[in-house]
PDB file of N, CA and C in Angstrom:
ATOM      1  N   MET A   1      -1.622   9.277 -16.640  1.00  0.00           N
ATOM      2  CA  MET A   1      -1.343   8.465 -15.472  1.00  0.00           C
ATOM      3  C   MET A   1      -2.366   7.340 -15.376  1.00  0.00           C
ATOM      4  N   PRO A   2      -1.939   6.098 -15.434  1.00  0.00           N
ATOM      5  CA  PRO A   2      -2.905   5.020 -15.242  1.00  0.00           C
ATOM      6  C   PRO A   2      -3.429   5.001 -13.804  1.00  0.00           C
ATOM      7  N   GLU A   3      -4.650   4.581 -13.667  1.00  0.00           N
ATOM      8  CA  GLU A   3      -5.264   4.503 -12.338  1.00  0.00           C
ATOM      9  C   GLU A   3      -5.587   3.044 -12.037  1.00  0.00           C
ATOM     10  N   LEU A   4      -5.069   2.555 -10.932  1.00  0.00           N
ATOM     11  CA  LEU A   4      -5.387   1.205 -10.484  1.00  0.00           C
ATOM     12  C   LEU A   4      -6.447   1.272  -9.399  1.00  0.00           C
ATOM     13  N   LYS A   5      -7.439   0.429  -9.515  1.00  0.00           N
ATOM     14  CA  LYS A   5      -8.511   0.362  -8.527  1.00  0.00           C
ATOM     15  C   LYS A   5      -8.168  -0.671  -7.450  1.00  0.00           C
ATOM     16  N   LEU A   6      -8.678  -0.440  -6.262  1.00  0.00           N
ATOM     17  CA  LEU A   6      -8.463  -1.338  -5.133  1.00  0.00           C
ATOM     18  C   LEU A   6      -8.816  -2.775  -5.489  1.00  0.00           C
ATOM     19  N   LYS A   7      -9.962  -2.975  -6.128  1.00  0.00           N
ATOM     20  CA  LYS A   7     -10.416  -4.334  -6.440  1.00  0.00           C
ATOM     21  C   LYS A   7      -9.442  -5.052  -7.375  1.00  0.00           C
ATOM     22  N   GLU A   8      -8.798  -4.320  -8.284  1.00  0.00           N
ATOM     23  CA  GLU A   8      -7.809  -4.927  -9.176  1.00  0.00           C
ATOM     24  C   GLU A   8      -6.577  -5.378  -8.393  1.00  0.00           C
ATOM     25  N   ILE A   9      -6.138  -4.537  -7.474  1.00  0.00           N
ATOM     26  CA  ILE A   9      -4.965  -4.845  -6.656  1.00  0.00           C
ATOM     27  C   ILE A   9      -5.239  -6.053  -5.775  1.00  0.00           C
ATOM     28  N   VAL A  10      -6.397  -6.056  -5.122  1.00  0.00           N
ATOM     29  CA  VAL A  10      -6.776  -7.158  -4.229  1.00  0.00           C
ATOM     30  C   VAL A  10      -6.836  -8.474  -4.999  1.00  0.00           C
ATOM     31  N   LYS A  11      -7.423  -8.444  -6.172  1.00  0.00           N
ATOM     32  CA  LYS A  11      -7.563  -9.659  -6.974  1.00  0.00           C
ATOM     33  C   LYS A  11      -6.203 -10.158  -7.464  1.00  0.00           C
ATOM     34  N   GLU A  12      -5.389  -9.273  -8.018  1.00  0.00           N
ATOM     35  CA  GLU A  12      -4.108  -9.668  -8.611  1.00  0.00           C
ATOM     36  C   GLU A  12      -3.109 -10.173  -7.565  1.00  0.00           C
ATOM     37  N   LEU A  13      -3.134  -9.595  -6.372  1.00  0.00           N
ATOM     38  CA  LEU A  13      -2.159  -9.946  -5.345  1.00  0.00           C
ATOM     39  C   LEU A  13      -2.743 -10.825  -4.239  1.00  0.00           C
ATOM     40  N   ASN A  14      -3.996 -11.227  -4.405  1.00  0.00           N
ATOM     41  CA  ASN A  14      -4.662 -12.068  -3.412  1.00  0.00           C
ATOM     42  C   ASN A  14      -4.527 -11.460  -2.005  1.00  0.00           C
ATOM     43  N   CYS A  15      -4.974 -10.220  -1.881  1.00  0.00           N
ATOM     44  CA  CYS A  15      -4.824  -9.457  -0.635  1.00  0.00           C
ATOM     45  C   CYS A  15      -6.005  -9.636   0.303  1.00  0.00           C
ATOM     46  N   ASN A  16      -5.722  -9.430   1.564  1.00  0.00           N
ATOM     47  CA  ASN A  16      -6.767  -9.284   2.572  1.00  0.00           C
ATOM     48  C   ASN A  16      -6.928  -7.792   2.838  1.00  0.00           C
ATOM     49  N   ILE A  17      -8.154  -7.332   2.914  1.00  0.00           N
ATOM     50  CA  ILE A  17      -8.407  -5.942   3.278  1.00  0.00           C
ATOM     51  C   ILE A  17      -8.523  -5.898   4.794  1.00  0.00           C
ATOM     52  N   ILE A  18      -7.569  -5.225   5.423  1.00  0.00           N
ATOM     53  CA  ILE A  18      -7.508  -5.150   6.881  1.00  0.00           C
ATOM     54  C   ILE A  18      -8.321  -3.968   7.399  1.00  0.00           C
ATOM     55  N   SER A  19      -8.189  -2.828   6.729  1.00  0.00           N
ATOM     56  CA  SER A  19      -8.995  -1.664   7.106  1.00  0.00           C
ATOM     57  C   SER A  19      -9.373  -0.893   5.849  1.00  0.00           C
ATOM     58  N   LYS A  20     -10.492  -0.209   5.938  1.00  0.00           N
ATOM     59  CA  LYS A  20     -11.011   0.532   4.794  1.00  0.00           C
ATOM     60  C   LYS A  20     -10.631   1.994   4.886  1.00  0.00           C
ATOM     61  N   GLY A  21     -10.352   2.561   3.719  1.00  0.00           N
ATOM     62  CA  GLY A  21      -9.985   3.963   3.640  1.00  0.00           C
ATOM     63  C   GLY A  21     -11.017   4.758   2.871  1.00  0.00           C
ATOM     64  N   GLN A  22     -10.616   5.944   2.446  1.00  0.00           N
ATOM     65  CA  GLN A  22     -11.535   6.820   1.719  1.00  0.00           C
ATOM     66  C   GLN A  22     -11.395   6.688   0.213  1.00  0.00           C
ATOM     67  N   LYS A  23     -10.162   6.611  -0.287  1.00  0.00           N
ATOM     68  CA  LYS A  23      -9.924   6.576  -1.733  1.00  0.00           C
ATOM     69  C   LYS A  23      -9.495   5.176  -2.140  1.00  0.00           C
ATOM     70  N   ASP A  24     -10.256   4.590  -3.084  1.00  0.00           N
ATOM     71  CA  ASP A  24     -10.010   3.201  -3.477  1.00  0.00           C
ATOM     72  C   ASP A  24      -9.275   3.086  -4.818  1.00  0.00           C
ATOM     73  N   PHE A  25      -8.369   4.016  -5.078  1.00  0.00           N
ATOM     74  CA  PHE A  25      -7.584   3.980  -6.314  1.00  0.00           C
ATOM     75  C   PHE A  25      -6.192   4.542  -6.046  1.00  0.00           C
ATOM     76  N   VAL A  26      -5.264   4.230  -6.938  1.00  0.00           N
ATOM     77  CA  VAL A  26      -3.915   4.798  -6.876  1.00  0.00           C
ATOM     78  C   VAL A  26      -3.461   5.155  -8.278  1.00  0.00           C
ATOM     79  N   GLU A  27      -2.550   6.105  -8.348  1.00  0.00           N
ATOM     80  CA  GLU A  27      -1.946   6.507  -9.621  1.00  0.00           C
ATOM     81  C   GLU A  27      -0.448   6.254  -9.641  1.00  0.00           C
ATOM     82  N   HIS A  28       0.144   6.068  -8.478  1.00  0.00           N
ATOM     83  CA  HIS A  28       1.587   5.849  -8.355  1.00  0.00           C
ATOM     84  C   HIS A  28       1.831   4.729  -7.358  1.00  0.00           C
ATOM     85  N   ILE A  29       2.945   4.018  -7.553  1.00  0.00           N
ATOM     86  CA  ILE A  29       3.313   2.922  -6.658  1.00  0.00           C
ATOM     87  C   ILE A  29       4.713   3.195  -6.119  1.00  0.00           C
ATOM     88  N   VAL A  30       4.850   3.083  -4.804  1.00  0.00           N
ATOM     89  CA  VAL A  30       6.139   3.252  -4.139  1.00  0.00           C
ATOM     90  C   VAL A  30       6.364   2.026  -3.274  1.00  0.00           C
ATOM     91  N   ALA A  31       7.551   1.433  -3.378  1.00  0.00           N
ATOM     92  CA  ALA A  31       7.886   0.270  -2.552  1.00  0.00           C
ATOM     93  C   ALA A  31       9.165   0.561  -1.784  1.00  0.00           C
ATOM     94  N   SER A  32       9.121   0.341  -0.476  1.00  0.00           N
ATOM     95  CA  SER A  32      10.317   0.585   0.332  1.00  0.00           C
ATOM     96  C   SER A  32      10.190  -0.072   1.693  1.00  0.00           C
ATOM     97  N   SER A  33      11.347  -0.384   2.245  1.00  0.00           N
ATOM     98  CA  SER A  33      11.424  -0.871   3.621  1.00  0.00           C
ATOM     99  C   SER A  33      12.066   0.178   4.521  1.00  0.00           C
ATOM    100  N   LEU A  34      12.296   1.352   3.963  1.00  0.00           N
ATOM    101  CA  LEU A  34      12.900   2.443   4.728  1.00  0.00           C
ATOM    102  C   LEU A  34      11.965   3.652   4.758  1.00  0.00           C
ATOM    103  N   VAL A  35      11.582   4.066   5.933  1.00  0.00           N
ATOM    104  CA  VAL A  35      10.695   5.223   6.080  1.00  0.00           C
ATOM    105  C   VAL A  35      11.331   6.462   5.445  1.00  0.00           C
ATOM    106  N   SER A  36      12.626   6.626   5.589  1.00  0.00           N
ATOM    107  CA  SER A  36      13.306   7.808   5.040  1.00  0.00           C
ATOM    108  C   SER A  36      13.172   7.872   3.519  1.00  0.00           C
ATOM    109  N   ASP A  37      13.178   6.726   2.839  1.00  0.00           N
ATOM    110  CA  ASP A  37      12.981   6.722   1.388  1.00  0.00           C
ATOM    111  C   ASP A  37      11.565   7.127   1.013  1.00  0.00           C
ATOM    112  N   VAL A  38      10.610   6.724   1.810  1.00  0.00           N
ATOM    113  CA  VAL A  38       9.208   7.035   1.536  1.00  0.00           C
ATOM    114  C   VAL A  38       8.944   8.536   1.709  1.00  0.00           C
ATOM    115  N   LEU A  39       9.588   9.134   2.674  1.00  0.00           N
ATOM    116  CA  LEU A  39       9.335  10.547   2.982  1.00  0.00           C
ATOM    117  C   LEU A  39       9.719  11.509   1.858  1.00  0.00           C
ATOM    118  N   ILE A  40      10.531  11.074   0.908  1.00  0.00           N
ATOM    119  CA  ILE A  40      10.913  11.966  -0.192  1.00  0.00           C
ATOM    120  C   ILE A  40       9.952  11.885  -1.378  1.00  0.00           C
ATOM    121  N   VAL A  41       8.941  11.053  -1.285  1.00  0.00           N
ATOM    122  CA  VAL A  41       7.967  10.898  -2.368  1.00  0.00           C
ATOM    123  C   VAL A  41       7.151  12.176  -2.502  1.00  0.00           C
ATOM    124  N   ASP A  42       7.042  12.655  -3.737  1.00  0.00           N
ATOM    125  CA  ASP A  42       6.306  13.886  -4.017  1.00  0.00           C
ATOM    126  C   ASP A  42       5.197  13.608  -5.034  1.00  0.00           C
ATOM    127  N   LYS A  43       4.332  12.679  -4.709  1.00  0.00           N
ATOM    128  CA  LYS A  43       3.210  12.294  -5.568  1.00  0.00           C
ATOM    129  C   LYS A  43       1.950  12.222  -4.721  1.00  0.00           C
ATOM    130  N   GLU A  44       0.809  12.219  -5.383  1.00  0.00           N
ATOM    131  CA  GLU A  44      -0.484  12.038  -4.721  1.00  0.00           C
ATOM    132  C   GLU A  44      -1.051  10.690  -5.144  1.00  0.00           C
ATOM    133  N   ASN A  45      -1.989  10.192  -4.387  1.00  0.00           N
ATOM    134  CA  ASN A  45      -2.703   8.950  -4.716  1.00  0.00           C
ATOM    135  C   ASN A  45      -1.742   7.779  -4.896  1.00  0.00           C
ATOM    136  N   VAL A  46      -0.986   7.527  -3.850  1.00  0.00           N
ATOM    137  CA  VAL A  46       0.089   6.537  -3.862  1.00  0.00           C
ATOM    138  C   VAL A  46      -0.358   5.219  -3.225  1.00  0.00           C
ATOM    139  N   LEU A  47       0.157   4.122  -3.784  1.00  0.00           N
ATOM    140  CA  LEU A  47       0.105   2.814  -3.141  1.00  0.00           C
ATOM    141  C   LEU A  47       1.488   2.591  -2.541  1.00  0.00           C
ATOM    142  N   LEU A  48       1.556   2.453  -1.237  1.00  0.00           N
ATOM    143  CA  LEU A  48       2.819   2.205  -0.553  1.00  0.00           C
ATOM    144  C   LEU A  48       2.935   0.711  -0.260  1.00  0.00           C
ATOM    145  N   VAL A  49       3.923   0.072  -0.863  1.00  0.00           N
ATOM    146  CA  VAL A  49       4.178  -1.355  -0.690  1.00  0.00           C
ATOM    147  C   VAL A  49       5.365  -1.494   0.251  1.00  0.00           C
ATOM    148  N   THR A  50       5.186  -2.234   1.334  1.00  0.00           N
ATOM    149  CA  THR A  50       6.239  -2.342   2.333  1.00  0.00           C
ATOM    150  C   THR A  50       6.142  -3.657   3.098  1.00  0.00           C
ATOM    151  N   ASN A  51       7.243  -3.998   3.758  1.00  0.00           N
ATOM    152  CA  ASN A  51       7.207  -5.141   4.661  1.00  0.00           C
ATOM    153  C   ASN A  51       7.391  -4.690   6.110  1.00  0.00           C
ATOM    154  N   LEU A  52       7.219  -3.399   6.351  1.00  0.00           N
ATOM    155  CA  LEU A  52       7.305  -2.840   7.700  1.00  0.00           C
ATOM    156  C   LEU A  52       5.936  -2.882   8.372  1.00  0.00           C
ATOM    157  N   ALA A  53       5.820  -3.659   9.404  1.00  0.00           N
ATOM    158  CA  ALA A  53       4.548  -3.830  10.107  1.00  0.00           C
ATOM    159  C   ALA A  53       4.536  -2.997  11.381  1.00  0.00           C
ATOM    160  N   SER A  54       4.297  -1.695  11.209  1.00  0.00           N
ATOM    161  CA  SER A  54       4.232  -0.807  12.374  1.00  0.00           C
ATOM    162  C   SER A  54       3.321   0.376  12.078  1.00  0.00           C
ATOM    163  N   PRO A  55       2.792   0.997  13.121  1.00  0.00           N
ATOM    164  CA  PRO A  55       1.936   2.164  12.899  1.00  0.00           C
ATOM    165  C   PRO A  55       2.703   3.335  12.283  1.00  0.00           C
ATOM    166  N   GLN A  56       4.032   3.344  12.447  1.00  0.00           N
ATOM    167  CA  GLN A  56       4.836   4.427  11.878  1.00  0.00           C
ATOM    168  C   GLN A  56       4.716   4.476  10.353  1.00  0.00           C
ATOM    169  N   ILE A  57       4.614   3.329   9.709  1.00  0.00           N
ATOM    170  CA  ILE A  57       4.488   3.320   8.253  1.00  0.00           C
ATOM    171  C   ILE A  57       3.136   3.887   7.824  1.00  0.00           C
ATOM    172  N   ILE A  58       2.118   3.723   8.637  1.00  0.00           N
ATOM    173  CA  ILE A  58       0.804   4.319   8.341  1.00  0.00           C
ATOM    174  C   ILE A  58       0.890   5.835   8.463  1.00  0.00           C
ATOM    175  N   ARG A  59       1.528   6.331   9.515  1.00  0.00           N
ATOM    176  CA  ARG A  59       1.695   7.780   9.673  1.00  0.00           C
ATOM    177  C   ARG A  59       2.514   8.354   8.515  1.00  0.00           C
ATOM    178  N   THR A  60       3.527   7.619   8.090  1.00  0.00           N
ATOM    179  CA  THR A  60       4.347   8.049   6.959  1.00  0.00           C
ATOM    180  C   THR A  60       3.509   8.082   5.682  1.00  0.00           C
ATOM    181  N   ALA A  61       2.709   7.053   5.467  1.00  0.00           N
ATOM    182  CA  ALA A  61       1.829   6.997   4.300  1.00  0.00           C
ATOM    183  C   ALA A  61       0.870   8.181   4.287  1.00  0.00           C
ATOM    184  N   ASP A  62       0.336   8.522   5.440  1.00  0.00           N
ATOM    185  CA  ASP A  62      -0.564   9.661   5.555  1.00  0.00           C
ATOM    186  C   ASP A  62       0.162  10.957   5.196  1.00  0.00           C
ATOM    187  N   MET A  63       1.402  11.088   5.625  1.00  0.00           N
ATOM    188  CA  MET A  63       2.184  12.301   5.345  1.00  0.00           C
ATOM    189  C   MET A  63       2.438  12.500   3.855  1.00  0.00           C
ATOM    190  N   ILE A  64       2.602  11.405   3.105  1.00  0.00           N
ATOM    191  CA  ILE A  64       2.900  11.550   1.676  1.00  0.00           C
ATOM    192  C   ILE A  64       1.645  11.511   0.803  1.00  0.00           C
ATOM    193  N   GLY A  65       0.490  11.327   1.410  1.00  0.00           N
ATOM    194  CA  GLY A  65      -0.754  11.312   0.635  1.00  0.00           C
ATOM    195  C   GLY A  65      -1.069   9.970   0.005  1.00  0.00           C
ATOM    196  N   ALA A  66      -0.651   8.892   0.648  1.00  0.00           N
ATOM    197  CA  ALA A  66      -0.964   7.555   0.131  1.00  0.00           C
ATOM    198  C   ALA A  66      -2.428   7.215   0.391  1.00  0.00           C
ATOM    199  N   ASN A  67      -3.020   6.517  -0.546  1.00  0.00           N
ATOM    200  CA  ASN A  67      -4.401   6.054  -0.391  1.00  0.00           C
ATOM    201  C   ASN A  67      -4.463   4.641   0.161  1.00  0.00           C
ATOM    202  N   ILE A  68      -3.419   3.848  -0.161  1.00  0.00           N
ATOM    203  CA  ILE A  68      -3.411   2.434   0.199  1.00  0.00           C
ATOM    204  C   ILE A  68      -2.016   2.040   0.667  1.00  0.00           C
ATOM    205  N   VAL A  69      -1.961   1.241   1.727  1.00  0.00           N
ATOM    206  CA  VAL A  69      -0.714   0.631   2.181  1.00  0.00           C
ATOM    207  C   VAL A  69      -0.868  -0.871   2.028  1.00  0.00           C
ATOM    208  N   LEU A  70       0.124  -1.503   1.404  1.00  0.00           N
ATOM    209  CA  LEU A  70       0.123  -2.946   1.222  1.00  0.00           C
ATOM    210  C   LEU A  70       1.275  -3.539   2.022  1.00  0.00           C
ATOM    211  N   LEU A  71       0.942  -4.371   2.977  1.00  0.00           N
ATOM    212  CA  LEU A  71       1.933  -5.066   3.796  1.00  0.00           C
ATOM    213  C   LEU A  71       2.195  -6.431   3.173  1.00  0.00           C
ATOM    214  N   THR A  72       3.468  -6.719   2.893  1.00  0.00           N
ATOM    215  CA  THR A  72       3.853  -7.941   2.189  1.00  0.00           C
ATOM    216  C   THR A  72       4.492  -8.971   3.116  1.00  0.00           C
ATOM    217  N   ASN A  73       4.989 -10.021   2.513  1.00  0.00           N
ATOM    218  CA  ASN A  73       5.757 -11.072   3.183  1.00  0.00           C
ATOM    219  C   ASN A  73       4.933 -11.868   4.199  1.00  0.00           C
ATOM    220  N   GLY A  74       3.618 -11.848   4.080  1.00  0.00           N
ATOM    221  CA  GLY A  74       2.765 -12.604   4.988  1.00  0.00           C
ATOM    222  C   GLY A  74       2.806 -12.134   6.429  1.00  0.00           C
ATOM    223  N   LYS A  75       3.265 -10.913   6.631  1.00  0.00           N
ATOM    224  CA  LYS A  75       3.379 -10.397   8.000  1.00  0.00           C
ATOM    225  C   LYS A  75       2.001 -10.169   8.612  1.00  0.00           C
ATOM    226  N   THR A  76       1.922 -10.416   9.884  1.00  0.00           N
ATOM    227  CA  THR A  76       0.699 -10.164  10.635  1.00  0.00           C
ATOM    228  C   THR A  76       0.609  -8.678  10.931  1.00  0.00           C
ATOM    229  N   VAL A  77      -0.588  -8.139  10.772  1.00  0.00           N
ATOM    230  CA  VAL A  77      -0.801  -6.718  11.034  1.00  0.00           C
ATOM    231  C   VAL A  77      -1.010  -6.510  12.532  1.00  0.00           C
ATOM    232  N   PRO A  78      -0.125  -5.745  13.175  1.00  0.00           N
ATOM    233  CA  PRO A  78      -0.319  -5.472  14.599  1.00  0.00           C
ATOM    234  C   PRO A  78      -1.566  -4.603  14.823  1.00  0.00           C
ATOM    235  N   GLU A  79      -2.173  -4.746  15.970  1.00  0.00           N
ATOM    236  CA  GLU A  79      -3.390  -3.997  16.283  1.00  0.00           C
ATOM    237  C   GLU A  79      -3.163  -2.489  16.193  1.00  0.00           C
ATOM    238  N   ASP A  80      -2.006  -2.004  16.654  1.00  0.00           N
ATOM    239  CA  ASP A  80      -1.770  -0.559  16.602  1.00  0.00           C
ATOM    240  C   ASP A  80      -1.613  -0.036  15.174  1.00  0.00           C
ATOM    241  N   MET A  81      -1.157  -0.882  14.266  1.00  0.00           N
ATOM    242  CA  MET A  81      -1.072  -0.505  12.849  1.00  0.00           C
ATOM    243  C   MET A  81      -2.471  -0.435  12.248  1.00  0.00           C
ATOM    244  N   HIS A  82      -3.298  -1.417  12.567  1.00  0.00           N
ATOM    245  CA  HIS A  82      -4.691  -1.452  12.111  1.00  0.00           C
ATOM    246  C   HIS A  82      -5.435  -0.210  12.610  1.00  0.00           C
ATOM    247  N   LYS A  83      -5.254   0.099  13.883  1.00  0.00           N
ATOM    248  CA  LYS A  83      -5.908   1.259  14.491  1.00  0.00           C
ATOM    249  C   LYS A  83      -5.454   2.550  13.810  1.00  0.00           C
ATOM    250  N   ALA A  84      -4.160   2.683  13.539  1.00  0.00           N
ATOM    251  CA  ALA A  84      -3.631   3.884  12.885  1.00  0.00           C
ATOM    252  C   ALA A  84      -4.233   4.056  11.488  1.00  0.00           C
ATOM    253  N   ALA A  85      -4.367   2.956  10.743  1.00  0.00           N
ATOM    254  CA  ALA A  85      -4.955   3.021   9.396  1.00  0.00           C
ATOM    255  C   ALA A  85      -6.413   3.468   9.460  1.00  0.00           C
ATOM    256  N   ASN A  86      -7.145   2.975  10.438  1.00  0.00           N
ATOM    257  CA  ASN A  86      -8.538   3.394  10.612  1.00  0.00           C
ATOM    258  C   ASN A  86      -8.633   4.874  10.962  1.00  0.00           C
ATOM    259  N   GLU A  87      -7.733   5.343  11.805  1.00  0.00           N
ATOM    260  CA  GLU A  87      -7.755   6.742  12.234  1.00  0.00           C
ATOM    261  C   GLU A  87      -7.533   7.714  11.074  1.00  0.00           C
ATOM    262  N   VAL A  88      -6.601   7.376  10.177  1.00  0.00           N
ATOM    263  CA  VAL A  88      -6.296   8.289   9.071  1.00  0.00           C
ATOM    264  C   VAL A  88      -7.050   7.926   7.793  1.00  0.00           C
ATOM    265  N   LYS A  89      -7.880   6.878   7.873  1.00  0.00           N
ATOM    266  CA  LYS A  89      -8.738   6.460   6.761  1.00  0.00           C
ATOM    267  C   LYS A  89      -7.942   6.107   5.500  1.00  0.00           C
ATOM    268  N   ILE A  90      -6.932   5.256   5.701  1.00  0.00           N
ATOM    269  CA  ILE A  90      -6.138   4.719   4.604  1.00  0.00           C
ATOM    270  C   ILE A  90      -6.433   3.223   4.515  1.00  0.00           C
ATOM    271  N   TYR A  91      -6.640   2.728   3.288  1.00  0.00           N
ATOM    272  CA  TYR A  91      -6.809   1.293   3.110  1.00  0.00           C
ATOM    273  C   TYR A  91      -5.523   0.585   3.523  1.00  0.00           C
ATOM    274  N   LEU A  92      -5.678  -0.478   4.275  1.00  0.00           N
ATOM    275  CA  LEU A  92      -4.546  -1.310   4.671  1.00  0.00           C
ATOM    276  C   LEU A  92      -4.803  -2.715   4.154  1.00  0.00           C
ATOM    277  N   LEU A  93      -3.906  -3.184   3.293  1.00  0.00           N
ATOM    278  CA  LEU A  93      -4.003  -4.509   2.705  1.00  0.00           C
ATOM    279  C   LEU A  93      -2.852  -5.373   3.184  1.00  0.00           C
ATOM    280  N   GLN A  94      -3.042  -6.677   3.135  1.00  0.00           N
ATOM    281  CA  GLN A  94      -1.991  -7.625   3.518  1.00  0.00           C
ATOM    282  C   GLN A  94      -1.969  -8.745   2.500  1.00  0.00           C
ATOM    283  N   THR A  95      -0.743  -9.152   2.112  1.00  0.00           N
ATOM    284  CA  THR A  95      -0.577 -10.269   1.185  1.00  0.00           C
ATOM    285  C   THR A  95       0.555 -11.177   1.657  1.00  0.00           C
ATOM    286  N   ASN A  96       0.483 -12.432   1.265  1.00  0.00           N
ATOM    287  CA  ASN A  96       1.550 -13.374   1.587  1.00  0.00           C
ATOM    288  C   ASN A  96       2.708 -13.300   0.603  1.00  0.00           C
ATOM    289  N   LEU A  97       2.536 -12.552  -0.483  1.00  0.00           N
ATOM    290  CA  LEU A  97       3.606 -12.407  -1.464  1.00  0.00           C
ATOM    291  C   LEU A  97       4.803 -11.688  -0.853  1.00  0.00           C
ATOM    292  N   LEU A  98       5.984 -12.024  -1.335  1.00  0.00           N
ATOM    293  CA  LEU A  98       7.179 -11.272  -0.949  1.00  0.00           C
ATOM    294  C   LEU A  98       7.120  -9.888  -1.579  1.00  0.00           C
ATOM    295  N   LEU A  99       7.834  -8.952  -1.029  1.00  0.00           N
ATOM    296  CA  LEU A  99       7.850  -7.576  -1.535  1.00  0.00           C
ATOM    297  C   LEU A  99       8.164  -7.553  -3.026  1.00  0.00           C
ATOM    298  N   PHE A 100       9.196  -8.282  -3.447  1.00  0.00           N
ATOM    299  CA  PHE A 100       9.586  -8.314  -4.849  1.00  0.00           C
ATOM    300  C   PHE A 100       8.466  -8.876  -5.726  1.00  0.00           C
ATOM    301  N   GLU A 101       7.844  -9.968  -5.292  1.00  0.00           N
ATOM    302  CA  GLU A 101       6.761 -10.579  -6.072  1.00  0.00           C
ATOM    303  C   GLU A 101       5.580  -9.621  -6.215  1.00  0.00           C
ATOM    304  N   ALA A 102       5.239  -8.941  -5.131  1.00  0.00           N
ATOM    305  CA  ALA A 102       4.133  -7.982  -5.167  1.00  0.00           C
ATOM    306  C   ALA A 102       4.445  -6.853  -6.144  1.00  0.00           C
ATOM    307  N   CYS A 103       5.671  -6.355  -6.114  1.00  0.00           N
ATOM    308  CA  CYS A 103       6.072  -5.272  -7.024  1.00  0.00           C
ATOM    309  C   CYS A 103       6.011  -5.725  -8.475  1.00  0.00           C
ATOM    310  N   TYR A 104       6.456  -6.940  -8.736  1.00  0.00           N
ATOM    311  CA  TYR A 104       6.426  -7.480 -10.100  1.00  0.00           C
ATOM    312  C   TYR A 104       4.985  -7.525 -10.618  1.00  0.00           C
ATOM    313  N   LYS A 105       4.089  -8.071  -9.820  1.00  0.00           N
ATOM    314  CA  LYS A 105       2.685  -8.181 -10.244  1.00  0.00           C
ATOM    315  C   LYS A 105       2.034  -6.812 -10.395  1.00  0.00           C
ATOM    316  N   LEU A 106       2.342  -5.904  -9.494  1.00  0.00           N
ATOM    317  CA  LEU A 106       1.797  -4.550  -9.600  1.00  0.00           C
ATOM    318  C   LEU A 106       2.327  -3.841 -10.839  1.00  0.00           C
ATOM    319  N   GLY A 107       3.598  -4.039 -11.134  1.00  0.00           N
ATOM    320  CA  GLY A 107       4.183  -3.434 -12.326  1.00  0.00           C
ATOM    321  C   GLY A 107       3.500  -3.900 -13.598  1.00  0.00           C
ATOM    322  N   LYS A 108       3.262  -5.194 -13.683  1.00  0.00           N
ATOM    323  CA  LYS A 108       2.551  -5.731 -14.850  1.00  0.00           C
ATOM    324  C   LYS A 108       1.164  -5.120 -14.959  1.00  0.00           C
ATOM    325  N   LEU A 109       0.453  -5.076 -13.859  1.00  0.00           N
ATOM    326  CA  LEU A 109      -0.896  -4.515 -13.825  1.00  0.00           C
ATOM    327  C   LEU A 109      -0.890  -3.037 -14.220  1.00  0.00           C
ATOM    328  N   TYR A 110       0.045  -2.292 -13.683  1.00  0.00           N
ATOM    329  CA  TYR A 110       0.155  -0.846 -13.925  1.00  0.00           C
ATOM    330  C   TYR A 110       0.468  -0.562 -15.391  1.00  0.00           C
ATOM    331  N   PHE A 111       1.462  -1.259 -15.943  1.00  0.00           N
ATOM    332  CA  PHE A 111       1.893  -0.955 -17.308  1.00  0.00           C
ATOM    333  C   PHE A 111       0.961  -1.523 -18.369  1.00  0.00           C
ATOM    334  N   GLU A 112       0.106  -2.460 -18.010  1.00  0.00           N
ATOM    335  CA  GLU A 112      -0.935  -2.919 -18.937  1.00  0.00           C
ATOM    336  C   GLU A 112      -1.927  -1.799 -19.206  1.00  0.00           C
ATOM    337  N   LYS A 113      -2.078  -0.881 -18.256  1.00  0.00           N
ATOM    338  CA  LYS A 113      -3.052   0.201 -18.372  1.00  0.00           C
ATOM    339  C   LYS A 113      -2.528   1.394 -19.170  1.00  0.00           C
ATOM    340  N   LYS A 114      -1.214   1.466 -19.352  1.00  0.00           N
ATOM    341  CA  LYS A 114      -0.617   2.624 -20.052  1.00  0.00           C
ATOM    342  C   LYS A 114      -0.912   2.597 -21.522  1.00  0.00           C
TER     343      LYS A 114
END
C-alpha cells in the first residue's frame, strides 16, 4: 500500500490546512459527494475528498477512520465544520480545485508511489 504524506498532498493540490489532526498520512483515497457512499468504506488511514462543506462529513470521516478530509471546489469551510475537525483531530484541507481535478492529481501522486 503506498503511503501519501500530508505535505505531498498539500503541495500537489495547493491546499490550505484549515485544522490539524493526529495522523499526517493516508493509504487510501475515497472521493464522494454522498455521505451514504462514504459510510460503506472499509479501509483505515483514508483521505476523504469531497465538496460537501458541513460538519456531518467530518463526523462521517471520523466513523470510517479517515485521517484527512479535503474540501474541494474552492468552498469556504464553515466554522462548525472547522470545529468538528478540531474535536475529532482530523486534518481538514481546502483547495480551489474541482473534485475531479483533485482526484486526477491525487491519482497520479498515488500511483507514482506503487
